[in-house]
Amino acid sequence: MVRCLVSTVLVMFGVSASLAAEAGGELKGVFIGDHVGCKSKDDLFSYYQAKQDGDRVEVGKLLAQRKCLTLAGRTYVPLRVGFVTAYVRVTYQGKDIKLWTRSAAVVDSPPPARETHFNF
């Protein structure tokens, strides 16, 4: 029962994102809060582990090496959203880059709602 519900939720998100892309519009949002995006999942997990451990040196190193970026105020387009991580496209210094972040960052900063019609 739980697997069926989870699959339905994932399929529904994928369908709505696909419909928006086909309609020529993208689901854009603006990040709020204290979230970061990183070039790889490993860097993302390292950042949050260091932050949890209070390791300011490691956090600073990941930010200084531009492996991770702060996301507050940045416009994003969700590419893939899971239960723990999300893959998003963000504009940074005039270029579109793809970053991994926590799904909570997207949940805390959702794109504006769109009216979507499903015909089953």
N, C-alpha and C. Protein backbone atom coordinates (compact mmCIF):
# COMPACT_ATOMS: atom_id res chain seq x y z
N MET A 1 0.82 -1.19 0.00
CA MET A 1 0.00 0.00 0.00
C MET A 1 0.87 1.26 0.00
N VAL A 2 1.91 1.28 0.86
CA VAL A 2 2.78 2.44 0.94
C VAL A 2 3.55 2.62 -0.37
N ARG A 3 4.06 1.53 -0.95
CA ARG A 3 4.79 1.63 -2.21
C ARG A 3 3.91 2.21 -3.31
N CYS A 4 2.67 1.80 -3.35
CA CYS A 4 1.74 2.29 -4.36
C CYS A 4 1.54 3.79 -4.21
N LEU A 5 1.36 4.25 -2.99
CA LEU A 5 1.15 5.67 -2.72
C LEU A 5 2.39 6.48 -3.10
N VAL A 6 3.57 5.99 -2.72
CA VAL A 6 4.81 6.68 -3.05
C VAL A 6 4.99 6.76 -4.56
N SER A 7 4.73 5.68 -5.26
CA SER A 7 4.86 5.68 -6.72
C SER A 7 3.91 6.68 -7.34
N THR A 8 2.70 6.75 -6.83
CA THR A 8 1.72 7.68 -7.36
C THR A 8 2.18 9.12 -7.19
N VAL A 9 2.72 9.45 -6.02
CA VAL A 9 3.19 10.80 -5.76
C VAL A 9 4.34 11.15 -6.70
N LEU A 10 5.29 10.24 -6.88
CA LEU A 10 6.42 10.50 -7.76
C LEU A 10 5.98 10.65 -9.20
N VAL A 11 5.06 9.82 -9.65
CA VAL A 11 4.56 9.91 -11.01
C VAL A 11 3.83 11.22 -11.21
N MET A 12 3.03 11.63 -10.25
CA MET A 12 2.26 12.87 -10.37
C MET A 12 3.20 14.07 -10.50
N PHE A 13 4.29 14.11 -9.71
CA PHE A 13 5.22 15.23 -9.83
C PHE A 13 5.87 15.23 -11.19
N GLY A 14 6.29 14.07 -11.65
CA GLY A 14 6.92 13.96 -12.96
C GLY A 14 5.99 14.39 -14.07
N VAL A 15 4.73 14.02 -13.97
CA VAL A 15 3.76 14.39 -15.00
C VAL A 15 3.56 15.90 -15.01
N SER A 16 3.40 16.53 -13.85
CA SER A 16 3.15 17.96 -13.83
C SER A 16 4.36 18.73 -14.34
N ALA A 17 5.56 18.29 -14.01
CA ALA A 17 6.76 18.96 -14.51
C ALA A 17 6.86 18.79 -16.02
N SER A 18 6.51 17.61 -16.53
CA SER A 18 6.57 17.37 -17.97
C SER A 18 5.55 18.23 -18.70
N LEU A 19 4.35 18.35 -18.16
CA LEU A 19 3.33 19.17 -18.79
C LEU A 19 3.74 20.63 -18.84
N ALA A 20 4.35 21.12 -17.79
CA ALA A 20 4.80 22.51 -17.76
C ALA A 20 5.89 22.73 -18.80
N ALA A 21 6.80 21.77 -18.93
CA ALA A 21 7.88 21.90 -19.90
C ALA A 21 7.32 21.89 -21.33
N GLU A 22 6.33 21.02 -21.58
CA GLU A 22 5.73 20.94 -22.91
C GLU A 22 4.96 22.23 -23.24
N ALA A 23 4.41 22.86 -22.23
CA ALA A 23 3.65 24.08 -22.45
C ALA A 23 4.57 25.29 -22.68
N GLY A 24 5.89 25.06 -22.61
CA GLY A 24 6.83 26.13 -22.87
C GLY A 24 7.20 26.93 -21.63
N GLY A 25 6.62 26.60 -20.50
CA GLY A 25 6.94 27.31 -19.27
C GLY A 25 7.70 26.39 -18.33
N GLU A 26 8.49 26.99 -17.47
CA GLU A 26 9.23 26.21 -16.50
C GLU A 26 8.72 26.57 -15.11
N LEU A 27 8.78 25.60 -14.22
CA LEU A 27 8.41 25.84 -12.84
C LEU A 27 9.60 26.50 -12.15
N LYS A 28 9.55 27.82 -11.98
CA LYS A 28 10.66 28.54 -11.36
C LYS A 28 10.27 28.96 -9.96
N GLY A 29 11.25 28.93 -9.09
CA GLY A 29 11.05 29.39 -7.73
C GLY A 29 12.25 30.21 -7.30
N VAL A 30 12.16 30.81 -6.12
CA VAL A 30 13.28 31.56 -5.55
C VAL A 30 13.56 30.96 -4.18
N PHE A 31 14.80 30.56 -3.96
CA PHE A 31 15.16 29.94 -2.68
C PHE A 31 15.09 30.95 -1.55
N ILE A 32 14.54 30.50 -0.43
CA ILE A 32 14.55 31.27 0.80
C ILE A 32 15.15 30.38 1.88
N GLY A 33 15.68 30.96 2.90
CA GLY A 33 16.23 30.17 3.99
C GLY A 33 17.71 29.89 3.83
N ASP A 34 18.23 29.15 4.78
CA ASP A 34 19.66 28.86 4.87
C ASP A 34 19.97 27.51 4.21
N HIS A 35 19.90 27.46 2.89
CA HIS A 35 20.16 26.23 2.16
C HIS A 35 21.36 26.41 1.26
N VAL A 36 22.00 25.30 0.92
CA VAL A 36 23.12 25.32 -0.02
C VAL A 36 22.85 24.33 -1.14
N GLY A 37 23.54 24.54 -2.25
CA GLY A 37 23.53 23.61 -3.36
C GLY A 37 24.97 23.23 -3.65
N CYS A 38 25.21 21.98 -4.02
CA CYS A 38 26.56 21.50 -4.27
C CYS A 38 26.64 20.79 -5.61
N LYS A 39 27.84 20.75 -6.17
CA LYS A 39 28.05 20.14 -7.48
C LYS A 39 27.82 18.64 -7.46
N SER A 40 28.05 18.00 -6.32
CA SER A 40 27.83 16.55 -6.22
C SER A 40 27.08 16.23 -4.94
N LYS A 41 26.47 15.05 -4.94
CA LYS A 41 25.77 14.61 -3.72
C LYS A 41 26.76 14.42 -2.57
N ASP A 42 27.94 13.91 -2.89
CA ASP A 42 28.95 13.70 -1.84
C ASP A 42 29.32 15.02 -1.16
N ASP A 43 29.50 16.07 -1.96
CA ASP A 43 29.81 17.38 -1.38
C ASP A 43 28.65 17.90 -0.54
N LEU A 44 27.43 17.66 -1.00
CA LEU A 44 26.25 18.09 -0.24
C LEU A 44 26.20 17.39 1.11
N PHE A 45 26.40 16.07 1.12
CA PHE A 45 26.38 15.33 2.38
C PHE A 45 27.54 15.74 3.28
N SER A 46 28.72 16.00 2.69
CA SER A 46 29.88 16.45 3.47
C SER A 46 29.59 17.80 4.12
N TYR A 47 28.97 18.71 3.36
CA TYR A 47 28.65 20.03 3.89
C TYR A 47 27.74 19.91 5.11
N TYR A 48 26.64 19.19 4.96
CA TYR A 48 25.69 19.12 6.07
C TYR A 48 26.24 18.31 7.25
N GLN A 49 27.10 17.33 6.99
CA GLN A 49 27.74 16.60 8.09
C GLN A 49 28.68 17.53 8.85
N ALA A 50 29.48 18.33 8.10
CA ALA A 50 30.39 19.28 8.75
C ALA A 50 29.60 20.34 9.53
N LYS A 51 28.50 20.79 8.97
CA LYS A 51 27.68 21.79 9.65
C LYS A 51 27.10 21.22 10.94
N GLN A 52 26.64 19.97 10.86
CA GLN A 52 26.08 19.31 12.05
C GLN A 52 27.15 19.11 13.12
N ASP A 53 28.37 18.78 12.68
CA ASP A 53 29.48 18.54 13.61
C ASP A 53 30.10 19.84 14.12
N GLY A 54 29.69 20.98 13.55
CA GLY A 54 30.26 22.27 13.94
C GLY A 54 31.65 22.50 13.37
N ASP A 55 31.98 21.82 12.28
CA ASP A 55 33.29 21.93 11.64
C ASP A 55 33.29 23.11 10.66
N ARG A 56 33.55 24.31 11.18
CA ARG A 56 33.51 25.52 10.35
C ARG A 56 34.60 25.52 9.28
N VAL A 57 35.71 24.87 9.55
CA VAL A 57 36.80 24.82 8.58
C VAL A 57 36.35 24.07 7.32
N GLU A 58 35.73 22.92 7.50
CA GLU A 58 35.27 22.12 6.36
C GLU A 58 34.16 22.84 5.60
N VAL A 59 33.23 23.45 6.33
CA VAL A 59 32.15 24.22 5.68
C VAL A 59 32.76 25.35 4.86
N GLY A 60 33.69 26.08 5.44
CA GLY A 60 34.34 27.18 4.74
C GLY A 60 35.12 26.71 3.52
N LYS A 61 35.75 25.54 3.64
CA LYS A 61 36.52 24.99 2.53
C LYS A 61 35.62 24.63 1.35
N LEU A 62 34.48 24.01 1.63
CA LEU A 62 33.54 23.64 0.56
C LEU A 62 32.98 24.88 -0.14
N LEU A 63 32.72 25.93 0.63
CA LEU A 63 32.22 27.17 0.04
C LEU A 63 33.32 27.92 -0.72
N ALA A 64 34.53 27.96 -0.16
CA ALA A 64 35.64 28.68 -0.80
C ALA A 64 36.06 28.01 -2.11
N GLN A 65 36.00 26.69 -2.16
CA GLN A 65 36.38 25.96 -3.38
C GLN A 65 35.24 25.93 -4.40
N ARG A 66 34.15 26.58 -4.05
CA ARG A 66 32.95 26.65 -4.89
C ARG A 66 32.39 25.27 -5.24
N LYS A 67 32.58 24.34 -4.33
CA LYS A 67 31.93 23.05 -4.49
C LYS A 67 30.48 23.17 -4.05
N CYS A 68 30.23 24.13 -3.14
CA CYS A 68 28.88 24.39 -2.65
C CYS A 68 28.64 25.91 -2.68
N LEU A 69 27.39 26.28 -2.90
CA LEU A 69 26.99 27.69 -2.95
C LEU A 69 25.78 27.91 -2.06
N THR A 70 25.70 29.09 -1.45
CA THR A 70 24.49 29.43 -0.72
C THR A 70 23.40 29.74 -1.74
N LEU A 71 22.17 29.39 -1.43
CA LEU A 71 21.09 29.49 -2.40
C LEU A 71 20.08 30.60 -2.12
N ALA A 72 20.13 31.22 -0.98
CA ALA A 72 19.13 32.24 -0.62
C ALA A 72 19.04 33.32 -1.70
N GLY A 73 17.83 33.55 -2.18
CA GLY A 73 17.57 34.59 -3.16
C GLY A 73 17.82 34.20 -4.61
N ARG A 74 18.32 33.00 -4.84
CA ARG A 74 18.60 32.57 -6.22
C ARG A 74 17.37 31.93 -6.84
N THR A 75 17.15 32.22 -8.12
CA THR A 75 16.06 31.61 -8.87
C THR A 75 16.48 30.20 -9.27
N TYR A 76 15.55 29.25 -9.21
CA TYR A 76 15.87 27.87 -9.56
C TYR A 76 14.75 27.25 -10.38
N VAL A 77 15.12 26.19 -11.07
CA VAL A 77 14.17 25.34 -11.79
C VAL A 77 14.40 23.92 -11.28
N PRO A 78 13.40 23.28 -10.69
CA PRO A 78 13.59 21.90 -10.23
C PRO A 78 13.70 20.94 -11.42
N LEU A 79 14.73 20.12 -11.41
CA LEU A 79 14.92 19.13 -12.46
C LEU A 79 14.50 17.75 -11.99
N ARG A 80 14.84 17.43 -10.74
CA ARG A 80 14.47 16.15 -10.15
C ARG A 80 14.36 16.34 -8.65
N VAL A 81 13.24 15.96 -8.06
CA VAL A 81 13.04 16.12 -6.63
C VAL A 81 12.72 14.76 -6.03
N GLY A 82 13.52 14.35 -5.06
CA GLY A 82 13.30 13.08 -4.37
C GLY A 82 12.93 13.34 -2.92
N PHE A 83 13.00 12.31 -2.10
CA PHE A 83 12.63 12.46 -0.69
C PHE A 83 13.73 13.12 0.13
N VAL A 84 14.99 12.97 -0.28
CA VAL A 84 16.10 13.53 0.49
C VAL A 84 16.80 14.64 -0.28
N THR A 85 17.05 14.42 -1.56
CA THR A 85 17.79 15.40 -2.36
C THR A 85 16.97 15.87 -3.56
N ALA A 86 17.38 17.01 -4.07
CA ALA A 86 16.77 17.56 -5.28
C ALA A 86 17.89 18.05 -6.20
N TYR A 87 17.67 17.92 -7.49
CA TYR A 87 18.62 18.38 -8.50
C TYR A 87 17.97 19.59 -9.16
N VAL A 88 18.63 20.73 -9.10
CA VAL A 88 18.03 21.98 -9.57
C VAL A 88 18.99 22.71 -10.51
N ARG A 89 18.40 23.56 -11.36
CA ARG A 89 19.20 24.44 -12.20
C ARG A 89 19.11 25.85 -11.61
N VAL A 90 20.27 26.46 -11.39
CA VAL A 90 20.37 27.76 -10.75
C VAL A 90 21.21 28.67 -11.64
N THR A 91 20.90 29.95 -11.67
CA THR A 91 21.75 30.90 -12.39
C THR A 91 22.78 31.46 -11.42
N TYR A 92 24.06 31.33 -11.79
CA TYR A 92 25.16 31.81 -10.96
C TYR A 92 26.16 32.53 -11.85
N GLN A 93 26.40 33.78 -11.57
CA GLN A 93 27.31 34.63 -12.35
C GLN A 93 26.96 34.59 -13.85
N GLY A 94 25.68 34.65 -14.15
CA GLY A 94 25.21 34.70 -15.52
C GLY A 94 25.16 33.37 -16.25
N LYS A 95 25.50 32.28 -15.57
CA LYS A 95 25.49 30.96 -16.19
C LYS A 95 24.52 30.05 -15.46
N ASP A 96 23.88 29.17 -16.22
CA ASP A 96 23.02 28.15 -15.60
C ASP A 96 23.89 26.98 -15.16
N ILE A 97 23.78 26.63 -13.89
CA ILE A 97 24.52 25.48 -13.37
C ILE A 97 23.53 24.54 -12.69
N LYS A 98 23.88 23.27 -12.63
CA LYS A 98 23.03 22.27 -11.99
C LYS A 98 23.67 21.86 -10.67
N LEU A 99 22.85 21.88 -9.62
CA LEU A 99 23.33 21.61 -8.27
C LEU A 99 22.41 20.63 -7.55
N TRP A 100 22.99 19.91 -6.60
CA TRP A 100 22.23 19.07 -5.68
C TRP A 100 21.95 19.86 -4.42
N THR A 101 20.77 19.75 -3.89
CA THR A 101 20.42 20.38 -2.63
C THR A 101 19.48 19.44 -1.87
N ARG A 102 19.14 19.83 -0.67
CA ARG A 102 18.15 19.05 0.09
C ARG A 102 16.77 19.31 -0.51
N SER A 103 15.93 18.31 -0.50
CA SER A 103 14.56 18.49 -0.96
C SER A 103 13.84 19.54 -0.13
N ALA A 104 14.24 19.67 1.11
CA ALA A 104 13.62 20.68 1.99
C ALA A 104 13.79 22.08 1.43
N ALA A 105 14.87 22.33 0.69
CA ALA A 105 15.08 23.66 0.09
C ALA A 105 13.99 23.97 -0.92
N VAL A 106 13.58 22.98 -1.69
CA VAL A 106 12.51 23.17 -2.68
C VAL A 106 11.15 23.26 -1.98
N VAL A 107 10.97 22.44 -0.95
CA VAL A 107 9.71 22.46 -0.20
C VAL A 107 9.53 23.80 0.51
N ASP A 108 10.62 24.34 1.07
CA ASP A 108 10.57 25.63 1.77
C ASP A 108 10.37 26.80 0.80
N SER A 109 10.75 26.61 -0.47
CA SER A 109 10.71 27.68 -1.47
C SER A 109 10.01 27.19 -2.74
N PRO A 110 8.75 26.81 -2.65
CA PRO A 110 8.10 26.20 -3.81
C PRO A 110 7.88 27.18 -4.96
N PRO A 111 7.91 26.66 -6.19
CA PRO A 111 7.54 27.51 -7.33
C PRO A 111 6.08 27.91 -7.19
N PRO A 112 5.67 29.00 -7.82
CA PRO A 112 4.26 29.38 -7.77
C PRO A 112 3.38 28.27 -8.32
N ALA A 113 2.22 28.12 -7.76
CA ALA A 113 1.30 27.06 -8.19
C ALA A 113 0.82 27.30 -9.61
N ARG A 114 0.69 26.24 -10.35
CA ARG A 114 0.13 26.31 -11.70
C ARG A 114 -1.11 25.44 -11.74
N GLU A 115 -2.03 25.85 -12.50
CA GLU A 115 -3.22 25.02 -12.67
C GLU A 115 -2.91 23.97 -13.72
N THR A 116 -3.03 22.72 -13.34
CA THR A 116 -2.73 21.62 -14.24
C THR A 116 -3.93 20.70 -14.30
N HIS A 117 -4.30 20.28 -15.49
CA HIS A 117 -5.43 19.39 -15.67
C HIS A 117 -4.91 18.03 -16.09
N PHE A 118 -5.41 17.00 -15.45
CA PHE A 118 -5.03 15.63 -15.76
C PHE A 118 -6.25 14.92 -16.33
N ASN A 119 -6.07 14.26 -17.42
CA ASN A 119 -7.12 13.41 -17.99
C ASN A 119 -6.69 11.97 -17.90
N PHE A 120 -7.36 11.23 -17.04
CA PHE A 120 -7.02 9.82 -16.88
C PHE A 120 -8.03 8.95 -17.56
